Each structure stands twice: as structure tokens, then as C-alpha cells.
């Protein structure tokens, strides 16, 4: 496959991928981001087939989704992506979501990826990757660089527990990113999303969660959500920090 610095996928939105509002769901946006990043990485020779023999796998570390609106049912939309930069431990990858016919921008996404040594379960060294990948630092991305997300705590914070099941787990044997998105969306009732939409969603992954583990989901005012290990309620082992912005 030819190497390209900017990769684009065009998708027709069929009904099964829509939410109750007849739009692409936030979880499906996250799924698209992962799929398109995977396709581009494969075309660049840094995908699953090339890295697994080296004992390395990509893992999403941070994500910032900013949407003006979502694709509607039976609408065709594009997701384009490019790698902005590499450091020793992280790869910064951006996305632009738009309507191809009109050029209308629907949203932007910034993401930070790391690679793990799948045998040692520790960070892999990405220092040589910048020489293998065409970087594209000049492309515009209006989503902010992912920042530190505060813990969901204090007055008004509410917690509930959730045990991770078979369908929550991906091939890396940890909880899939899309499941975290569903979990935070499900902390609000349907009528909330009938009145407004998710304009922004930020996620920061601190530790992996695995099958059979019980996570404690804490939601606080201001759209903050923290998922931690319910087995350590007094010294919480934070799995993920999330911030949801509705408009």
C-alpha cells in the first residue's frame, strides 16, 4: 500500500450506527478514529502486522473530540488523519471530520498514542518511528491539545459500580476505548441528549482495566467522570479520567 502523509476514509452512515437522535453516536466517532488510525498505520508500515513480531502494540492514551455537529443518518462523511509528531514515548495524531460534497467541517479530534511491550506490559521506545513515518505538522486541527483532566470528586459527585464483561474487552485483553465512551454517555438520561448534543469529549487513560474487574464510575458537576478500581475505594486506582461537554 502506498504511503501517504494524510489518509482519508469516506463512509455512508446507515441506520444501525445511529443513536436515538438519528446521528452518528459519540462511541461510533471514537470507533471511526481508531479504525482510520489503524488503516493509516497499516499503510505506513507501522501497523499490527509489522509491530506484533516486535512484541509491540499501539494503545490510545489520550483523546479530545470536538464536534460542531454529527453526521446524520444516510449522510456521507469523511474522516481524514495525519501524524503530527513523535516523541520517545508518544505519537500525536490528528483528525478532521467533514462532509465531502460541501466541505462542511463537522469536527476535529486530537489523539495521543503510545506503544506497549505486550510481554512486559510497559511502554515501548518510539524513538526510531519518526524516521519511518511521513509527519504532517502543518495541517490545521482546531481541537485543543489534550490537557490534564481533574478527578471527579467533591460536592455533588455520584458513584456507581460496573463489572467489566466479555463484550467490554478487546484483543489486548483490556477494556476497549469505545466501552469507556458508552459508560460516560450512559451516566445521563436520554432526554438530556434530546435537548443538547455532546460538543466535546476528552479521555485520559491512566491504567488498563480487565475482564472481571469492577470499576467505580464517579460523575461530578462540570461533566467530569473518573473510572477507578472499586476494590480500592480509599486509595482509588484511577483507570480513566473523562470530561464531557454538552451544548
Protein backbone atom coordinates (compact mmCIF):
# COMPACT_ATOMS: atom_id res chain seq x y z
CA UNK A 1 0.00 0.00 0.00
CA UNK A 2 1.28 3.47 -0.92
CA UNK A 3 2.49 5.66 1.94
CA UNK A 4 0.56 8.92 2.26
CA UNK A 5 1.04 11.59 4.92
CA UNK A 6 -2.72 12.33 5.05
CA UNK A 7 -5.15 9.40 4.90
CA UNK A 8 -8.92 9.74 4.25
CA UNK A 9 -11.80 7.29 4.61
CA UNK A 10 -15.31 8.01 3.27
CA UNK A 11 -18.30 6.39 4.99
CA UNK A 12 -22.06 6.25 4.33
CA UNK A 13 -23.94 6.39 7.63
CA UNK A 14 -26.52 3.61 7.78
CA UNK A 15 -29.20 3.38 10.48
CA UNK A 16 -27.56 0.68 12.68
CA UNK A 17 -24.72 3.06 13.60
CA UNK A 18 -27.03 5.93 14.58
CA UNK A 19 -28.15 6.93 18.06
CA UNK A 20 -31.70 7.81 19.18
CA UNK A 21 -31.32 11.26 17.62
CA UNK A 22 -30.63 9.81 14.16
CA UNK A 23 -26.96 10.83 14.22
CA UNK A 24 -23.63 9.05 14.43
CA UNK A 25 -23.09 8.22 18.10
CA UNK A 26 -20.11 9.53 20.08
CA UNK A 27 -18.94 5.94 20.59
CA UNK A 28 -19.05 5.41 16.82
CA UNK A 29 -16.92 8.53 16.33
CA UNK A 30 -14.36 7.02 18.71
CA UNK A 31 -14.57 3.73 16.82
CA UNK A 32 -14.02 5.55 13.50
CA UNK A 33 -10.98 7.32 14.97
CA UNK A 34 -9.41 4.01 15.99
CA UNK A 35 -10.28 2.31 12.68
CA UNK A 36 -8.92 5.12 10.47
CA UNK A 37 -5.77 5.43 12.59
CA UNK A 38 -5.27 1.67 12.21
CA UNK A 39 -5.75 1.79 8.44
CA UNK A 40 -3.26 4.64 8.10
CA UNK A 41 -0.73 2.94 10.38
CA UNK A 42 -1.02 -0.21 8.25
CA UNK A 43 -0.35 1.80 5.08
CA UNK A 44 2.72 3.37 6.73
CA UNK A 45 4.18 0.01 7.73
CA UNK A 46 3.72 0.58 11.47
CA UNK A 47 0.50 -1.40 11.89
CA UNK A 48 -0.38 -4.58 13.75
CA UNK A 49 1.25 -6.98 11.28
CA UNK A 50 4.59 -5.16 11.46
CA UNK A 51 4.69 -4.43 15.20
CA UNK A 52 3.40 -7.68 16.72
CA UNK A 53 6.54 -9.61 15.63
CA UNK A 54 8.47 -6.93 17.56
CA UNK A 55 6.24 -7.56 20.61
CA UNK A 56 4.65 -4.09 20.35
CA UNK A 57 1.03 -2.94 20.13
CA UNK A 58 -0.48 0.54 19.81
CA UNK A 59 -2.58 1.85 22.72
CA UNK A 60 -4.66 5.03 22.80
CA UNK A 61 -3.50 7.25 25.67
CA UNK A 62 -5.48 10.50 25.34
CA UNK A 63 -8.32 11.71 23.15
CA UNK A 64 -10.00 15.08 22.60
CA UNK A 65 -13.11 15.07 20.38
CA UNK A 66 -14.61 18.44 19.38
CA UNK A 67 -17.79 18.37 17.26
CA UNK A 68 -19.81 21.16 15.63
CA UNK A 69 -22.40 18.59 14.62
CA UNK A 70 -22.56 14.85 13.95
CA UNK A 71 -23.15 13.05 10.64
CA UNK A 72 -26.85 12.35 10.15
CA UNK A 73 -28.45 9.09 9.06
CA UNK A 74 -27.91 8.40 5.32
CA UNK A 75 -25.29 11.16 5.10
CA UNK A 76 -21.83 10.51 3.67
CA UNK A 77 -18.91 11.84 5.70
CA UNK A 78 -15.12 11.68 5.63
CA UNK A 79 -12.53 11.17 8.34
CA UNK A 80 -9.00 12.26 7.42
CA UNK A 81 -5.98 11.73 9.62
CA UNK A 82 -2.29 12.57 9.83
CA UNK A 83 0.59 12.06 12.26
CA UNK A 84 1.71 15.40 13.69
CA UNK A 85 4.74 14.31 15.73
CA UNK A 86 6.59 11.57 17.58
CA UNK A 87 8.42 11.61 20.90
CA UNK A 88 10.26 8.78 22.63
CA UNK A 89 7.03 7.60 24.27
CA UNK A 90 4.12 9.12 22.34
CA UNK A 91 2.70 9.71 18.87
CA UNK A 92 0.41 12.69 18.25
CA UNK A 93 -2.26 12.02 15.60
CA UNK A 94 -5.00 14.42 14.46
CA UNK A 95 -8.30 14.03 12.59
CA UNK A 96 -10.68 16.19 10.56
CA UNK A 97 -14.31 15.07 10.09
CA UNK A 98 -16.24 16.70 7.25
CA UNK A 99 -18.90 16.35 4.53
CA UNK A 100 -17.18 15.71 1.18
CA UNK A 101 -19.83 17.25 -1.09
CA UNK A 102 -19.96 20.62 0.64
CA UNK A 103 -16.66 20.64 2.52
CA UNK A 104 -18.56 21.41 5.74
CA UNK A 105 -16.44 20.74 8.82
CA UNK A 106 -18.18 18.56 11.41
CA UNK A 107 -15.38 18.35 13.94
CA UNK A 108 -11.75 17.79 14.81
CA UNK A 109 -10.00 15.26 17.03
CA UNK A 110 -6.58 15.21 18.67
CA UNK A 111 -5.23 11.93 19.94
CA UNK A 112 -2.10 10.75 21.71
CA UNK A 113 -0.94 7.17 21.23
CA UNK A 114 1.72 5.11 22.90
CA UNK A 115 3.06 1.64 22.21
CA UNK A 116 3.34 -1.07 24.82
CA UNK A 117 5.60 -4.07 25.09
CA UNK A 118 2.88 -6.73 25.16
CA UNK A 119 5.02 -9.18 27.09
CA UNK A 120 6.37 -6.81 29.75
CA UNK A 121 3.21 -4.58 29.81
CA UNK A 122 5.37 -1.46 29.79
CA UNK A 123 5.98 1.44 27.40
CA UNK A 124 7.91 0.67 24.24
CA UNK A 125 10.52 3.05 22.78
CA UNK A 126 9.19 5.03 19.77
CA UNK A 127 12.39 6.99 19.11
CA UNK A 128 13.01 5.41 15.70
CA UNK A 129 9.46 5.79 14.40
CA UNK A 130 9.82 9.41 13.21
CA UNK A 131 12.22 8.17 10.53
CA UNK A 132 9.68 5.59 9.32
CA UNK A 133 6.63 7.86 9.10
CA UNK A 134 5.96 11.00 6.98
CA UNK A 135 4.97 13.67 9.53
CA UNK A 136 2.46 16.39 8.71
CA UNK A 137 2.82 19.22 11.23
CA UNK A 138 1.23 21.98 9.10
CA UNK A 139 -2.34 20.62 8.91
CA UNK A 140 -4.96 22.60 10.85
CA UNK A 141 -6.65 20.92 13.83
CA UNK A 142 -8.99 23.08 15.94
CA UNK A 143 -9.31 20.57 18.77
CA UNK A 144 -7.08 21.57 21.68
CA UNK A 145 -4.03 19.55 22.70
CA UNK A 146 -5.31 17.09 25.33
CA UNK A 147 -4.74 18.52 28.80
CA UNK A 148 -4.86 17.10 32.31
CA UNK A 149 -8.43 16.25 33.36
CA UNK A 150 -9.31 16.79 37.05
CA UNK A 151 -10.71 13.98 39.17
CA UNK A 152 -14.49 13.79 39.55
CA UNK A 153 -14.91 14.43 43.26
CA UNK A 154 -16.34 16.77 45.86
CA UNK A 155 -19.87 18.09 46.42
CA UNK A 156 -22.43 16.66 44.02
CA UNK A 157 -20.28 13.71 42.89
CA UNK A 158 -22.22 10.45 42.48
CA UNK A 159 -20.69 6.95 42.15
CA UNK A 160 -21.88 3.59 40.84
CA UNK A 161 -20.09 0.29 40.19
CA UNK A 162 -19.81 -1.67 36.94
CA UNK A 163 -18.24 -5.10 36.45
CA UNK A 164 -16.44 -5.43 33.13
CA UNK A 165 -17.83 -8.24 30.99
CA UNK A 166 -16.81 -10.22 27.91
CA UNK A 167 -18.05 -7.62 25.39
CA UNK A 168 -16.08 -4.85 27.11
CA UNK A 169 -12.73 -6.48 26.34
CA UNK A 170 -10.66 -6.20 23.13
CA UNK A 171 -7.87 -8.37 21.70
CA UNK A 172 -5.34 -6.76 24.05
CA UNK A 173 -7.41 -8.28 26.87
CA UNK A 174 -8.23 -4.90 28.37
CA UNK A 175 -11.35 -2.71 28.26
CA UNK A 176 -11.96 -1.20 24.84
CA UNK A 177 -11.92 2.61 24.39
CA UNK A 178 -15.41 2.62 22.91
CA UNK A 179 -16.80 0.99 26.06
CA UNK A 180 -15.48 3.87 28.18
CA UNK A 181 -17.29 6.32 25.90
CA UNK A 182 -20.54 4.36 26.23
CA UNK A 183 -20.15 4.31 30.01
CA UNK A 184 -19.91 8.09 30.34
CA UNK A 185 -22.73 8.70 27.85
CA UNK A 186 -24.95 6.32 29.84
CA UNK A 187 -24.49 8.35 33.03
CA UNK A 188 -27.10 10.81 31.68
CA UNK A 189 -30.72 10.01 30.68
CA UNK A 190 -31.99 10.04 27.10
CA UNK A 191 -33.90 13.32 27.49
CA UNK A 192 -30.61 15.14 28.10
CA UNK A 193 -29.39 14.18 24.62
CA UNK A 194 -32.77 15.09 23.10
CA UNK A 195 -32.18 18.66 24.34
CA UNK A 196 -28.45 19.01 23.58
CA UNK A 197 -25.53 17.22 21.98
CA UNK A 198 -22.01 16.25 23.00
CA UNK A 199 -19.80 19.09 21.76
CA UNK A 200 -16.66 17.80 23.42
CA UNK A 201 -15.34 14.61 24.95
CA UNK A 202 -11.88 14.28 26.49
CA UNK A 203 -10.46 11.00 27.74
CA UNK A 204 -7.22 10.21 29.51
CA UNK A 205 -6.26 6.59 30.14
CA UNK A 206 -4.09 6.00 33.21
CA UNK A 207 -4.21 2.23 33.67
CA UNK A 208 -5.83 -0.67 31.89
CA UNK A 209 -8.96 -2.36 33.22
CA UNK A 210 -9.53 -6.06 32.58
CA UNK A 211 -12.26 -8.67 32.42
CA UNK A 212 -13.95 -9.38 35.75
CA UNK A 213 -12.66 -6.18 37.37
CA UNK A 214 -15.24 -3.87 38.97
CA UNK A 215 -14.87 -0.23 38.08
CA UNK A 216 -16.27 2.63 40.12
CA UNK A 217 -17.78 5.34 37.90
CA UNK A 218 -17.85 8.73 39.64
CA UNK A 219 -19.61 11.64 37.95
CA UNK A 220 -19.28 15.21 39.21
CA UNK A 221 -20.73 18.58 38.14
CA UNK A 222 -18.99 20.14 35.16
CA UNK A 223 -19.05 16.97 33.07
CA UNK A 224 -16.21 15.27 34.93
CA UNK A 225 -16.09 11.48 35.22
CA UNK A 226 -13.49 9.24 36.83
CA UNK A 227 -13.37 5.46 36.45
CA UNK A 228 -11.36 3.75 39.18
CA UNK A 229 -10.91 0.30 40.69
CA UNK A 230 -13.82 -0.26 43.09
CA UNK A 231 -11.70 -2.72 45.08
CA UNK A 232 -9.59 0.20 46.37
CA UNK A 233 -12.20 2.77 47.47
CA UNK A 234 -9.94 4.60 49.91
CA UNK A 235 -6.87 4.74 47.64
CA UNK A 236 -8.52 4.71 44.22
CA UNK A 237 -6.59 3.15 41.38
CA UNK A 238 -7.62 5.52 38.57
CA UNK A 239 -8.25 3.84 35.23
CA UNK A 240 -9.58 6.75 33.20
CA UNK A 241 -10.41 10.45 33.55
CA UNK A 242 -13.14 11.84 31.30
CA UNK A 243 -14.64 15.28 30.66
CA UNK A 244 -17.94 15.64 28.80
CA UNK A 245 -19.10 18.96 27.34
CA UNK A 246 -22.73 19.29 26.26
CA UNK A 247 -24.18 22.13 24.23
